[in-house]
Structures are given as structure tokens and as C-alpha cells.
C-alpha atoms as a PDB file:
ATOM      1  CA  MET A   1      30.538 -22.867  -7.172  1.00  0.00           C
ATOM      2  CA  GLY A   2      28.780 -25.502  -9.163  1.00  0.00           C
ATOM      3  CA  LYS A   3      25.846 -24.834 -11.376  1.00  0.00           C
ATOM      4  CA  GLU A   4      22.655 -25.980  -9.691  1.00  0.00           C
ATOM      5  CA  ASP A   5      19.897 -27.597 -11.686  1.00  0.00           C
ATOM      6  CA  HIS A   6      16.509 -26.067 -10.943  1.00  0.00           C
ATOM      7  CA  SER A   7      14.639 -27.567 -13.862  1.00  0.00           C
ATOM      8  CA  GLY A   8      11.233 -28.775 -12.861  1.00  0.00           C
ATOM      9  CA  THR A   9      11.065 -26.345  -9.937  1.00  0.00           C
ATOM     10  CA  SER A  10       7.712 -24.642  -9.840  1.00  0.00           C
ATOM     11  CA  ILE A  11       6.652 -21.612  -7.870  1.00  0.00           C
ATOM     12  CA  THR A  12       3.105 -21.546  -6.602  1.00  0.00           C
ATOM     13  CA  THR A  13       1.330 -18.586  -5.099  1.00  0.00           C
ATOM     14  CA  LYS A  14      -0.262 -18.805  -1.664  1.00  0.00           C
ATOM     15  CA  THR A  15      -3.059 -16.382  -2.526  1.00  0.00           C
ATOM     16  CA  PRO A  16      -5.702 -16.843  -5.203  1.00  0.00           C
ATOM     17  CA  LEU A  17      -5.235 -15.042  -8.498  1.00  0.00           C
ATOM     18  CA  TYR A  18      -7.628 -12.514 -10.052  1.00  0.00           C
ATOM     19  CA  THR A  19      -9.934 -12.262  -7.046  1.00  0.00           C
ATOM     20  CA  PHE A  20     -11.338  -9.015  -5.643  1.00  0.00           C
ATOM     21  CA  ASP A  21      -8.595  -8.804  -3.004  1.00  0.00           C
ATOM     22  CA  TRP A  22      -5.916  -9.611  -5.605  1.00  0.00           C
ATOM     23  CA  TYR A  23      -6.916  -6.552  -7.649  1.00  0.00           C
ATOM     24  CA  ILE A  24      -7.027  -4.292  -4.575  1.00  0.00           C
ATOM     25  CA  LYS A  25      -3.597  -5.563  -3.498  1.00  0.00           C
ATOM     26  CA  TRP A  26      -1.927  -4.875  -6.842  1.00  0.00           C
ATOM     27  CA  VAL A  27      -3.644  -1.565  -7.568  1.00  0.00           C
ATOM     28  CA  SER A  28      -2.749  -0.369  -4.061  1.00  0.00           C
ATOM     29  CA  SER A  29       0.854  -1.487  -4.527  1.00  0.00           C
ATOM     30  CA  ILE A  30       1.129   0.434  -7.802  1.00  0.00           C
ATOM     31  CA  ILE A  31      -0.404   3.520  -6.165  1.00  0.00           C
ATOM     32  CA  LEU A  32       2.166   3.248  -3.355  1.00  0.00           C
ATOM     33  CA  MET A  33       4.980   3.072  -5.910  1.00  0.00           C
ATOM     34  CA  VAL A  34       3.629   6.231  -7.564  1.00  0.00           C
ATOM     35  CA  SER A  35       3.438   7.935  -4.163  1.00  0.00           C
ATOM     36  CA  THR A  36       7.064   6.994  -3.501  1.00  0.00           C
ATOM     37  CA  ILE A  37       8.105   8.566  -6.807  1.00  0.00           C
ATOM     38  CA  LEU A  38       6.101  11.688  -5.949  1.00  0.00           C
ATOM     39  CA  THR A  39       7.773  11.873  -2.535  1.00  0.00           C
ATOM     40  CA  ALA A  40      11.244  11.417  -4.030  1.00  0.00           C
ATOM     41  CA  ASN A  41      10.511  14.341  -6.360  1.00  0.00           C
ATOM     42  CA  ASN A  42       9.084  16.465  -3.530  1.00  0.00           C
ATOM     43  CA  ILE A  43       5.633  16.736  -5.108  1.00  0.00           C
ATOM     44  CA  TYR A  44       3.736  17.717  -2.011  1.00  0.00           C
ATOM     45  CA  PRO A  45       0.896  17.290  -0.930  1.00  0.00           C
ATOM     46  CA  VAL A  46      -0.150  15.131  -3.904  1.00  0.00           C
ATOM     47  CA  ASN A  47       2.172  12.419  -2.591  1.00  0.00           C
ATOM     48  CA  LEU A  48       0.110  12.291   0.618  1.00  0.00           C
ATOM     49  CA  TYR A  49      -3.109  11.726  -1.325  1.00  0.00           C
ATOM     50  CA  PHE A  50      -1.638   8.850  -3.307  1.00  0.00           C
ATOM     51  CA  HIS A  51       0.008   7.376  -0.245  1.00  0.00           C
ATOM     52  CA  SER A  52      -3.264   7.549   1.721  1.00  0.00           C
ATOM     53  CA  LEU A  53      -5.140   5.825  -1.103  1.00  0.00           C
ATOM     54  CA  GLY A  54      -2.577   3.017  -1.374  1.00  0.00           C
ATOM     55  CA  ILE A  55      -2.459   2.498   2.382  1.00  0.00           C
ATOM     56  CA  ALA A  56      -6.284   2.445   2.534  1.00  0.00           C
ATOM     57  CA  GLY A  57      -6.280  -0.267  -0.125  1.00  0.00           C
ATOM     58  CA  TRP A  58      -3.868  -2.378   1.883  1.00  0.00           C
ATOM     59  CA  LEU A  59      -5.989  -1.807   4.993  1.00  0.00           C
ATOM     60  CA  ILE A  60      -8.962  -3.220   3.090  1.00  0.00           C
ATOM     61  CA  VAL A  61      -6.856  -6.206   2.015  1.00  0.00           C
ATOM     62  CA  GLY A  62      -5.835  -6.781   5.636  1.00  0.00           C
ATOM     63  CA  MET A  63      -9.498  -6.750   6.664  1.00  0.00           C
ATOM     64  CA  LEU A  64     -10.479  -9.132   3.857  1.00  0.00           C
ATOM     65  CA  TRP A  65      -7.677 -11.506   4.849  1.00  0.00           C
ATOM     66  CA  ASN A  66      -8.373 -11.033   8.569  1.00  0.00           C
ATOM     67  CA  ASP A  67      -4.653 -10.244   8.984  1.00  0.00           C
ATOM     68  CA  ARG A  68      -4.233  -8.215  12.157  1.00  0.00           C
ATOM     69  CA  ALA A  69      -0.652  -7.183  11.394  1.00  0.00           C
ATOM     70  CA  LEU A  70      -1.706  -5.666   8.056  1.00  0.00           C
ATOM     71  CA  MET A  71      -4.705  -4.003   9.682  1.00  0.00           C
ATOM     72  CA  VAL A  72      -2.709  -2.455  12.547  1.00  0.00           C
ATOM     73  CA  ILE A  73       0.200  -1.088  10.508  1.00  0.00           C
ATOM     74  CA  ASN A  74      -2.017   0.269   7.727  1.00  0.00           C
ATOM     75  CA  ALA A  75      -4.605   1.753  10.114  1.00  0.00           C
ATOM     76  CA  PHE A  76      -1.789   3.537  11.950  1.00  0.00           C
ATOM     77  CA  ALA A  77      -0.210   4.751   8.697  1.00  0.00           C
ATOM     78  CA  LEU A  78      -3.553   5.922   7.299  1.00  0.00           C
ATOM     79  CA  ALA A  79      -4.418   7.818  10.494  1.00  0.00           C
ATOM     80  CA  THR A  80      -1.000   9.494  10.475  1.00  0.00           C
ATOM     81  CA  LEU A  81      -1.263  10.479   6.804  1.00  0.00           C
ATOM     82  CA  LEU A  82      -4.821  11.768   7.203  1.00  0.00           C
ATOM     83  CA  MET A  83      -3.720  13.948  10.131  1.00  0.00           C
ATOM     84  CA  ALA A  84      -1.204  15.575   7.791  1.00  0.00           C
ATOM     85  CA  VAL A  85      -3.808  15.995   5.033  1.00  0.00           C
ATOM     86  CA  PHE A  86      -6.336  17.533   7.437  1.00  0.00           C
ATOM     87  CA  ARG A  87      -3.673  19.878   8.831  1.00  0.00           C
ATOM     88  CA  ILE A  88      -2.851  21.063   5.300  1.00  0.00           C
ATOM     89  CA  HIS A  89      -6.501  21.794   4.519  1.00  0.00           C
ATOM     90  CA  SER A  90      -7.594  23.229   7.867  1.00  0.00           C
ATOM     91  CA  PRO A  91      -8.191  26.955   8.128  1.00  0.00           C
ATOM     92  CA  SER A  92      -5.246  28.921   9.508  1.00  0.00           C
ATOM     93  CA  TRP A  93      -7.308  30.047  12.528  1.00  0.00           C
ATOM     94  CA  MET A  94      -7.659  26.450  13.782  1.00  0.00           C
END
């Protein structure tokens, strides 16, 4: 295998930097990483709260970008997570 020369190669981002949606995207991604760590350590139900918050952020990003795939998957995930949260906090007689 020969050594390839990549000097002068630049990487450009497709999305604008430091805009409102950029901050939501990165904060939500960090929250989702925290929720994954919480899940891996079986810290329940706090992991569901963090996960719901991160997914809600990505749902907002999908709406801002008018990206139907992001909206559908995150709306479904948020609804599923909120069902679990509501079940945890519902009275036992329900």
C-alpha cells in the first residue's frame, strides 16, 4: 500500500455553524450520549428522562430542517419513551 497524499484536502460542513439549530443538535447529541451511559450503568428511570430530552431536541432539529425522516423516527422514539415515563409515574390503580 502506497502512502496517499491528502495535502490540500479540505473538509467543509453542509450545515451552518453556530446557528440555533447547530446548538440544539450538539446539545441533544451530548444529552443522548449521557443517556446511553446511564442506560449502560442501569440508572433507571433517569436514563429515560435524558433520552427523552435528547430525542426531543433532535425532533426540533428535524422540524427546523424540514427533514421528514428525522421527524418520523424521533417522534416515534419520543412517544415510545414518554409512554414508559408515564407508566412509571402513573398511580398503581390505573
